[in-house]
PDB file of N, CA and C in Angstrom:
ATOM      1  N   MET A   1      34.164 -40.600  40.669  1.00  0.00           N
ATOM      2  CA  MET A   1      32.731 -40.567  40.460  1.00  0.00           C
ATOM      3  C   MET A   1      32.336 -39.394  39.562  1.00  0.00           C
ATOM      4  N   SER A   2      32.991 -38.247  39.698  1.00  0.00           N
ATOM      5  CA  SER A   2      32.615 -37.096  38.896  1.00  0.00           C
ATOM      6  C   SER A   2      32.973 -37.306  37.420  1.00  0.00           C
ATOM      7  N   GLN A   3      34.013 -38.115  37.138  1.00  0.00           N
ATOM      8  CA  GLN A   3      34.347 -38.413  35.744  1.00  0.00           C
ATOM      9  C   GLN A   3      33.240 -39.229  35.081  1.00  0.00           C
ATOM     10  N   VAL A   4      32.672 -40.136  35.829  1.00  0.00           N
ATOM     11  CA  VAL A   4      31.577 -40.955  35.310  1.00  0.00           C
ATOM     12  C   VAL A   4      30.374 -40.070  34.992  1.00  0.00           C
ATOM     13  N   LEU A   5      30.034 -39.162  35.900  1.00  0.00           N
ATOM     14  CA  LEU A   5      28.904 -38.259  35.673  1.00  0.00           C
ATOM     15  C   LEU A   5      29.176 -37.322  34.501  1.00  0.00           C
ATOM     16  N   THR A   6      30.408 -36.874  34.371  1.00  0.00           N
ATOM     17  CA  THR A   6      30.776 -36.009  33.254  1.00  0.00           C
ATOM     18  C   THR A   6      30.624 -36.751  31.931  1.00  0.00           C
ATOM     19  N   ARG A   7      31.056 -37.986  31.877  1.00  0.00           N
ATOM     20  CA  ARG A   7      30.930 -38.783  30.658  1.00  0.00           C
ATOM     21  C   ARG A   7      29.471 -39.059  30.314  1.00  0.00           C
ATOM     22  N   ILE A   8      28.675 -39.335  31.317  1.00  0.00           N
ATOM     23  CA  ILE A   8      27.249 -39.578  31.093  1.00  0.00           C
ATOM     24  C   ILE A   8      26.579 -38.307  30.568  1.00  0.00           C
ATOM     25  N   ALA A   9      26.902 -37.172  31.172  1.00  0.00           N
ATOM     26  CA  ALA A   9      26.333 -35.898  30.728  1.00  0.00           C
ATOM     27  C   ALA A   9      26.769 -35.569  29.296  1.00  0.00           C
ATOM     28  N   LEU A  10      28.017 -35.833  28.976  1.00  0.00           N
ATOM     29  CA  LEU A  10      28.527 -35.587  27.632  1.00  0.00           C
ATOM     30  C   LEU A  10      27.840 -36.497  26.611  1.00  0.00           C
ATOM     31  N   ALA A  11      27.691 -37.754  26.956  1.00  0.00           N
ATOM     32  CA  ALA A  11      27.011 -38.698  26.063  1.00  0.00           C
ATOM     33  C   ALA A  11      25.550 -38.289  25.842  1.00  0.00           C
ATOM     34  N   ALA A  12      24.883 -37.854  26.901  1.00  0.00           N
ATOM     35  CA  ALA A  12      23.494 -37.404  26.780  1.00  0.00           C
ATOM     36  C   ALA A  12      23.409 -36.159  25.894  1.00  0.00           C
ATOM     37  N   ALA A  13      24.344 -35.242  26.041  1.00  0.00           N
ATOM     38  CA  ALA A  13      24.353 -34.022  25.227  1.00  0.00           C
ATOM     39  C   ALA A  13      24.585 -34.353  23.755  1.00  0.00           C
ATOM     40  N   VAL A  14      25.490 -35.288  23.486  1.00  0.00           N
ATOM     41  CA  VAL A  14      25.745 -35.704  22.105  1.00  0.00           C
ATOM     42  C   VAL A  14      24.502 -36.374  21.517  1.00  0.00           C
ATOM     43  N   LEU A  15      23.835 -37.195  22.289  1.00  0.00           N
ATOM     44  CA  LEU A  15      22.626 -37.881  21.831  1.00  0.00           C
ATOM     45  C   LEU A  15      21.509 -36.883  21.511  1.00  0.00           C
ATOM     46  N   VAL A  16      21.306 -35.899  22.359  1.00  0.00           N
ATOM     47  CA  VAL A  16      20.276 -34.882  22.127  1.00  0.00           C
ATOM     48  C   VAL A  16      20.626 -34.039  20.900  1.00  0.00           C
ATOM     49  N   ALA A  17      21.895 -33.677  20.758  1.00  0.00           N
ATOM     50  CA  ALA A  17      22.329 -32.897  19.590  1.00  0.00           C
ATOM     51  C   ALA A  17      22.126 -33.690  18.304  1.00  0.00           C
ATOM     52  N   ALA A  18      22.468 -34.977  18.324  1.00  0.00           N
ATOM     53  CA  ALA A  18      22.271 -35.823  17.138  1.00  0.00           C
ATOM     54  C   ALA A  18      20.792 -35.928  16.798  1.00  0.00           C
ATOM     55  N   ALA A  19      19.947 -36.079  17.797  1.00  0.00           N
ATOM     56  CA  ALA A  19      18.502 -36.178  17.564  1.00  0.00           C
ATOM     57  C   ALA A  19      17.975 -34.886  16.941  1.00  0.00           C
ATOM     58  N   ALA A  20      18.444 -33.747  17.420  1.00  0.00           N
ATOM     59  CA  ALA A  20      17.996 -32.464  16.871  1.00  0.00           C
ATOM     60  C   ALA A  20      18.455 -32.289  15.421  1.00  0.00           C
ATOM     61  N   LEU A  21      19.679 -32.675  15.127  1.00  0.00           N
ATOM     62  CA  LEU A  21      20.210 -32.536  13.769  1.00  0.00           C
ATOM     63  C   LEU A  21      19.567 -33.501  12.780  1.00  0.00           C
ATOM     64  N   LEU A  22      19.190 -34.672  13.247  1.00  0.00           N
ATOM     65  CA  LEU A  22      18.626 -35.702  12.378  1.00  0.00           C
ATOM     66  C   LEU A  22      17.097 -35.722  12.345  1.00  0.00           C
ATOM     67  N   ASN A  23      16.465 -34.734  12.976  1.00  0.00           N
ATOM     68  CA  ASN A  23      15.006 -34.669  13.003  1.00  0.00           C
ATOM     69  C   ASN A  23      14.471 -34.607  11.566  1.00  0.00           C
ATOM     70  N   PRO A  24      13.595 -35.534  11.163  1.00  0.00           N
ATOM     71  CA  PRO A  24      13.096 -35.569   9.788  1.00  0.00           C
ATOM     72  C   PRO A  24      12.320 -34.300   9.418  1.00  0.00           C
ATOM     73  N   SER A  25      12.482 -33.870   8.182  1.00  0.00           N
ATOM     74  CA  SER A  25      11.814 -32.675   7.674  1.00  0.00           C
ATOM     75  C   SER A  25      10.364 -32.997   7.313  1.00  0.00           C
ATOM     76  N   PRO A  26       9.552 -31.962   7.092  1.00  0.00           N
ATOM     77  CA  PRO A  26       8.167 -32.212   6.664  1.00  0.00           C
ATOM     78  C   PRO A  26       8.100 -33.000   5.354  1.00  0.00           C
ATOM     79  N   GLU A  27       9.018 -32.723   4.437  1.00  0.00           N
ATOM     80  CA  GLU A  27       9.006 -33.422   3.155  1.00  0.00           C
ATOM     81  C   GLU A  27       9.326 -34.915   3.318  1.00  0.00           C
ATOM     82  N   ARG A  28      10.232 -35.253   4.229  1.00  0.00           N
ATOM     83  CA  ARG A  28      10.530 -36.676   4.471  1.00  0.00           C
ATOM     84  C   ARG A  28       9.312 -37.391   5.028  1.00  0.00           C
ATOM     85  N   HIS A  29       8.560 -36.722   5.909  1.00  0.00           N
ATOM     86  CA  HIS A  29       7.324 -37.306   6.432  1.00  0.00           C
ATOM     87  C   HIS A  29       6.329 -37.527   5.296  1.00  0.00           C
ATOM     88  N   ARG A  30       6.153 -36.521   4.460  1.00  0.00           N
ATOM     89  CA  ARG A  30       5.180 -36.628   3.369  1.00  0.00           C
ATOM     90  C   ARG A  30       5.572 -37.700   2.366  1.00  0.00           C
ATOM     91  N   ASP A  31       6.856 -37.802   2.070  1.00  0.00           N
ATOM     92  CA  ASP A  31       7.319 -38.859   1.157  1.00  0.00           C
ATOM     93  C   ASP A  31       7.013 -40.238   1.722  1.00  0.00           C
ATOM     94  N   LYS A  32       7.251 -40.418   3.002  1.00  0.00           N
ATOM     95  CA  LYS A  32       7.008 -41.716   3.638  1.00  0.00           C
ATOM     96  C   LYS A  32       5.512 -42.037   3.691  1.00  0.00           C
ATOM     97  N   ILE A  33       4.672 -41.020   3.899  1.00  0.00           N
ATOM     98  CA  ILE A  33       3.219 -41.236   3.901  1.00  0.00           C
ATOM     99  C   ILE A  33       2.757 -41.679   2.518  1.00  0.00           C
ATOM    100  N   ARG A  34       3.252 -41.003   1.462  1.00  0.00           N
ATOM    101  CA  ARG A  34       2.902 -41.390   0.083  1.00  0.00           C
ATOM    102  C   ARG A  34       3.311 -42.839  -0.186  1.00  0.00           C
ATOM    103  N   GLU A  35       4.537 -43.166   0.193  1.00  0.00           N
ATOM    104  CA  GLU A  35       5.079 -44.508  -0.041  1.00  0.00           C
ATOM    105  C   GLU A  35       4.279 -45.570   0.705  1.00  0.00           C
ATOM    106  N   ALA A  36       4.002 -45.334   1.978  1.00  0.00           N
ATOM    107  CA  ALA A  36       3.288 -46.321   2.791  1.00  0.00           C
ATOM    108  C   ALA A  36       1.856 -46.515   2.296  1.00  0.00           C
ATOM    109  N   THR A  37       1.201 -45.439   1.893  1.00  0.00           N
ATOM    110  CA  THR A  37      -0.167 -45.558   1.386  1.00  0.00           C
ATOM    111  C   THR A  37      -0.192 -46.358   0.091  1.00  0.00           C
ATOM    112  N   GLY A  38       0.772 -46.125  -0.779  1.00  0.00           N
ATOM    113  CA  GLY A  38       0.851 -46.859  -2.043  1.00  0.00           C
ATOM    114  C   GLY A  38       1.165 -48.324  -1.847  1.00  0.00           C
ATOM    115  N   GLU A  39       1.970 -48.642  -0.831  1.00  0.00           N
ATOM    116  CA  GLU A  39       2.311 -50.049  -0.563  1.00  0.00           C
ATOM    117  C   GLU A  39       1.123 -50.821  -0.021  1.00  0.00           C
ATOM    118  N   ARG A  40       0.249 -50.157   0.701  1.00  0.00           N
ATOM    119  CA  ARG A  40      -0.866 -50.840   1.343  1.00  0.00           C
ATOM    120  C   ARG A  40      -1.998 -51.133   0.381  1.00  0.00           C
ATOM    121  N   SER A  41      -2.131 -50.297  -0.659  1.00  0.00           N
ATOM    122  CA  SER A  41      -3.245 -50.486  -1.581  1.00  0.00           C
ATOM    123  C   SER A  41      -2.863 -50.017  -2.984  1.00  0.00           C
ATOM    124  N   GLN A  42      -3.018 -50.901  -3.961  1.00  0.00           N
ATOM    125  CA  GLN A  42      -2.736 -50.546  -5.348  1.00  0.00           C
ATOM    126  C   GLN A  42      -3.740 -49.506  -5.860  1.00  0.00           C
ATOM    127  N   VAL A  43      -4.967 -49.606  -5.402  1.00  0.00           N
ATOM    128  CA  VAL A  43      -5.989 -48.646  -5.814  1.00  0.00           C
ATOM    129  C   VAL A  43      -5.622 -47.255  -5.302  1.00  0.00           C
ATOM    130  N   ALA A  44      -5.173 -47.183  -4.057  1.00  0.00           N
ATOM    131  CA  ALA A  44      -4.761 -45.893  -3.492  1.00  0.00           C
ATOM    132  C   ALA A  44      -3.576 -45.325  -4.261  1.00  0.00           C
ATOM    133  N   ARG A  45      -2.665 -46.182  -4.692  1.00  0.00           N
ATOM    134  CA  ARG A  45      -1.508 -45.733  -5.471  1.00  0.00           C
ATOM    135  C   ARG A  45      -1.958 -45.161  -6.810  1.00  0.00           C
ATOM    136  N   VAL A  46      -2.853 -45.874  -7.495  1.00  0.00           N
ATOM    137  CA  VAL A  46      -3.322 -45.427  -8.810  1.00  0.00           C
ATOM    138  C   VAL A  46      -4.095 -44.111  -8.697  1.00  0.00           C
ATOM    139  N   LEU A  47      -4.916 -43.984  -7.668  1.00  0.00           N
ATOM    140  CA  LEU A  47      -5.725 -42.772  -7.493  1.00  0.00           C
ATOM    141  C   LEU A  47      -4.935 -41.622  -6.868  1.00  0.00           C
ATOM    142  N   GLY A  48      -3.728 -41.892  -6.389  1.00  0.00           N
ATOM    143  CA  GLY A  48      -2.913 -40.837  -5.784  1.00  0.00           C
ATOM    144  C   GLY A  48      -3.379 -40.416  -4.406  1.00  0.00           C
ATOM    145  N   LEU A  49      -4.001 -41.328  -3.685  1.00  0.00           N
ATOM    146  CA  LEU A  49      -4.500 -40.998  -2.354  1.00  0.00           C
ATOM    147  C   LEU A  49      -3.375 -40.709  -1.364  1.00  0.00           C
ATOM    148  N   GLY A  50      -2.219 -41.309  -1.577  1.00  0.00           N
ATOM    149  CA  GLY A  50      -1.078 -41.040  -0.701  1.00  0.00           C
ATOM    150  C   GLY A  50      -0.637 -39.593  -0.815  1.00  0.00           C
ATOM    151  N   SER A  51      -0.634 -39.059  -2.025  1.00  0.00           N
ATOM    152  CA  SER A  51      -0.272 -37.653  -2.230  1.00  0.00           C
ATOM    153  C   SER A  51      -1.291 -36.733  -1.577  1.00  0.00           C
ATOM    154  N   LEU A  52      -2.558 -37.079  -1.688  1.00  0.00           N
ATOM    155  CA  LEU A  52      -3.613 -36.286  -1.070  1.00  0.00           C
ATOM    156  C   LEU A  52      -3.495 -36.312   0.452  1.00  0.00           C
ATOM    157  N   LYS A  53      -3.259 -37.489   0.974  1.00  0.00           N
ATOM    158  CA  LYS A  53      -3.099 -37.656   2.422  1.00  0.00           C
ATOM    159  C   LYS A  53      -1.884 -36.873   2.924  1.00  0.00           C
ATOM    160  N   ALA A  54      -0.787 -36.946   2.180  1.00  0.00           N
ATOM    161  CA  ALA A  54       0.431 -36.231   2.566  1.00  0.00           C
ATOM    162  C   ALA A  54       0.219 -34.723   2.494  1.00  0.00           C
ATOM    163  N   PHE A  55      -0.494 -34.258   1.471  1.00  0.00           N
ATOM    164  CA  PHE A  55      -0.751 -32.831   1.304  1.00  0.00           C
ATOM    165  C   PHE A  55      -1.593 -32.286   2.456  1.00  0.00           C
ATOM    166  N   ALA A  56      -2.527 -33.087   2.935  1.00  0.00           N
ATOM    167  CA  ALA A  56      -3.432 -32.656   3.990  1.00  0.00           C
ATOM    168  C   ALA A  56      -2.827 -32.758   5.386  1.00  0.00           C
ATOM    169  N   SER A  57      -1.605 -33.265   5.497  1.00  0.00           N
ATOM    170  CA  SER A  57      -1.005 -33.461   6.816  1.00  0.00           C
ATOM    171  C   SER A  57      -0.408 -32.168   7.356  1.00  0.00           C
ATOM    172  N   ASN A  58      -0.390 -32.069   8.678  1.00  0.00           N
ATOM    173  CA  ASN A  58       0.218 -30.945   9.390  1.00  0.00           C
ATOM    174  C   ASN A  58       1.448 -31.445  10.125  1.00  0.00           C
ATOM    175  N   TYR A  59       2.581 -30.776   9.913  1.00  0.00           N
ATOM    176  CA  TYR A  59       3.859 -31.175  10.507  1.00  0.00           C
ATOM    177  C   TYR A  59       4.026 -30.498  11.865  1.00  0.00           C
ATOM    178  N   HIS A  60       4.500 -31.282  12.850  1.00  0.00           N
ATOM    179  CA  HIS A  60       4.758 -30.759  14.192  1.00  0.00           C
ATOM    180  C   HIS A  60       6.153 -31.219  14.615  1.00  0.00           C
ATOM    181  N   SER A  61       6.998 -30.267  14.999  1.00  0.00           N
ATOM    182  CA  SER A  61       8.348 -30.603  15.442  1.00  0.00           C
ATOM    183  C   SER A  61       8.463 -30.427  16.947  1.00  0.00           C
ATOM    184  N   LEU A  62       9.106 -31.375  17.585  1.00  0.00           N
ATOM    185  CA  LEU A  62       9.374 -31.307  19.020  1.00  0.00           C
ATOM    186  C   LEU A  62      10.846 -31.009  19.286  1.00  0.00           C
ATOM    187  N   GLY A  63      11.575 -30.652  18.261  1.00  0.00           N
ATOM    188  CA  GLY A  63      12.999 -30.374  18.385  1.00  0.00           C
ATOM    189  C   GLY A  63      13.844 -31.605  18.125  1.00  0.00           C
ATOM    190  N   VAL A  64      13.608 -32.660  18.867  1.00  0.00           N
ATOM    191  CA  VAL A  64      14.373 -33.903  18.710  1.00  0.00           C
ATOM    192  C   VAL A  64      13.560 -35.006  18.045  1.00  0.00           C
ATOM    193  N   ALA A  65      12.293 -34.752  17.810  1.00  0.00           N
ATOM    194  CA  ALA A  65      11.397 -35.688  17.138  1.00  0.00           C
ATOM    195  C   ALA A  65      10.314 -34.871  16.454  1.00  0.00           C
ATOM    196  N   SER A  66       9.563 -35.519  15.564  1.00  0.00           N
ATOM    197  CA  SER A  66       8.499 -34.815  14.863  1.00  0.00           C
ATOM    198  C   SER A  66       7.386 -35.792  14.509  1.00  0.00           C
ATOM    199  N   TYR A  67       6.230 -35.220  14.180  1.00  0.00           N
ATOM    200  CA  TYR A  67       5.106 -36.050  13.777  1.00  0.00           C
ATOM    201  C   TYR A  67       4.197 -35.247  12.860  1.00  0.00           C
ATOM    202  N   THR A  68       3.363 -35.942  12.101  1.00  0.00           N
ATOM    203  CA  THR A  68       2.370 -35.288  11.261  1.00  0.00           C
ATOM    204  C   THR A  68       0.991 -35.780  11.662  1.00  0.00           C
ATOM    205  N   THR A  69       0.024 -34.892  11.510  1.00  0.00           N
ATOM    206  CA  THR A  69      -1.354 -35.232  11.827  1.00  0.00           C
ATOM    207  C   THR A  69      -2.267 -34.789  10.701  1.00  0.00           C
ATOM    208  N   ALA A  70      -3.415 -35.426  10.630  1.00  0.00           N
ATOM    209  CA  ALA A  70      -4.514 -35.010   9.771  1.00  0.00           C
ATOM    210  C   ALA A  70      -5.758 -35.092  10.637  1.00  0.00           C
ATOM    211  N   GLY A  71      -6.277 -33.953  11.009  1.00  0.00           N
ATOM    212  CA  GLY A  71      -7.377 -33.920  11.974  1.00  0.00           C
ATOM    213  C   GLY A  71      -6.861 -34.383  13.325  1.00  0.00           C
ATOM    214  N   GLU A  72      -7.486 -35.377  13.879  1.00  0.00           N
ATOM    215  CA  GLU A  72      -7.086 -35.921  15.179  1.00  0.00           C
ATOM    216  C   GLU A  72      -6.165 -37.134  15.050  1.00  0.00           C
ATOM    217  N   LYS A  73      -5.921 -37.586  13.827  1.00  0.00           N
ATOM    218  CA  LYS A  73      -5.155 -38.816  13.602  1.00  0.00           C
ATOM    219  C   LYS A  73      -3.685 -38.509  13.340  1.00  0.00           C
ATOM    220  N   THR A  74      -2.796 -39.257  13.993  1.00  0.00           N
ATOM    221  CA  THR A  74      -1.364 -39.146  13.743  1.00  0.00           C
ATOM    222  C   THR A  74      -1.020 -40.014  12.539  1.00  0.00           C
ATOM    223  N   LEU A  75      -0.439 -39.379  11.509  1.00  0.00           N
ATOM    224  CA  LEU A  75      -0.107 -40.106  10.290  1.00  0.00           C
ATOM    225  C   LEU A  75       1.298 -40.674  10.313  1.00  0.00           C
ATOM    226  N   SER A  76       2.250 -39.940  10.901  1.00  0.00           N
ATOM    227  CA  SER A  76       3.633 -40.418  10.933  1.00  0.00           C
ATOM    228  C   SER A  76       4.357 -39.845  12.139  1.00  0.00           C
ATOM    229  N   VAL A  77       5.401 -40.573  12.547  1.00  0.00           N
ATOM    230  CA  VAL A  77       6.250 -40.172  13.675  1.00  0.00           C
ATOM    231  C   VAL A  77       7.688 -40.337  13.222  1.00  0.00           C
ATOM    232  N   GLY A  78       8.540 -39.374  13.556  1.00  0.00           N
ATOM    233  CA  GLY A  78       9.924 -39.459  13.118  1.00  0.00           C
ATOM    234  C   GLY A  78      10.911 -39.008  14.179  1.00  0.00           C
ATOM    235  N   ALA A  79      12.093 -39.622  14.151  1.00  0.00           N
ATOM    236  CA  ALA A  79      13.198 -39.255  15.035  1.00  0.00           C
ATOM    237  C   ALA A  79      14.470 -39.879  14.493  1.00  0.00           C
ATOM    238  N   PHE A  80      15.609 -39.251  14.746  1.00  0.00           N
ATOM    239  CA  PHE A  80      16.920 -39.753  14.337  1.00  0.00           C
ATOM    240  C   PHE A  80      16.979 -40.085  12.839  1.00  0.00           C
ATOM    241  N   GLY A  81      16.299 -39.272  12.025  1.00  0.00           N
ATOM    242  CA  GLY A  81      16.344 -39.464  10.584  1.00  0.00           C
ATOM    243  C   GLY A  81      15.398 -40.527  10.058  1.00  0.00           C
ATOM    244  N   LEU A  82      14.649 -41.180  10.904  1.00  0.00           N
ATOM    245  CA  LEU A  82      13.715 -42.235  10.494  1.00  0.00           C
ATOM    246  C   LEU A  82      12.274 -41.765  10.635  1.00  0.00           C
ATOM    247  N   VAL A  83      11.435 -42.200   9.722  1.00  0.00           N
ATOM    248  CA  VAL A  83      10.011 -41.864   9.771  1.00  0.00           C
ATOM    249  C   VAL A  83       9.213 -43.162   9.755  1.00  0.00           C
ATOM    250  N   PHE A  84       8.264 -43.275  10.669  1.00  0.00           N
ATOM    251  CA  PHE A  84       7.408 -44.453  10.779  1.00  0.00           C
ATOM    252  C   PHE A  84       5.966 -44.051  10.525  1.00  0.00           C
ATOM    253  N   VAL A  85       5.267 -44.833   9.732  1.00  0.00           N
ATOM    254  CA  VAL A  85       3.849 -44.598   9.445  1.00  0.00           C
ATOM    255  C   VAL A  85       3.074 -45.754  10.057  1.00  0.00           C
ATOM    256  N   PRO A  86       2.374 -45.496  11.166  1.00  0.00           N
ATOM    257  CA  PRO A  86       1.596 -46.594  11.785  1.00  0.00           C
ATOM    258  C   PRO A  86       0.423 -46.980  10.909  1.00  0.00           C
ATOM    259  N   ASP A  87      -0.108 -48.174  11.121  1.00  0.00           N
ATOM    260  CA  ASP A  87      -1.231 -48.684  10.308  1.00  0.00           C
ATOM    261  C   ASP A  87      -2.473 -47.878  10.501  1.00  0.00           C
TER     262      ASP A  87
END
């Protein structure tokens, strides 16, 4: 039984370490915000609103995950090297 618990603890430690190492940087969040804004609207792409939105964002790291906000709104969420921009 203790071998099973040891393996589970080791797997959990590896997973947490991988999440910490792969936590997306502020620049990856901003790049994804620019890209997503441009994909949603051609006018926003031409006017550069994605760049403005990305510039105005604040990056927050939780160690194993991160997110960006602008005011009270969450612009992007990231973990394990991936960044998601909700609608």
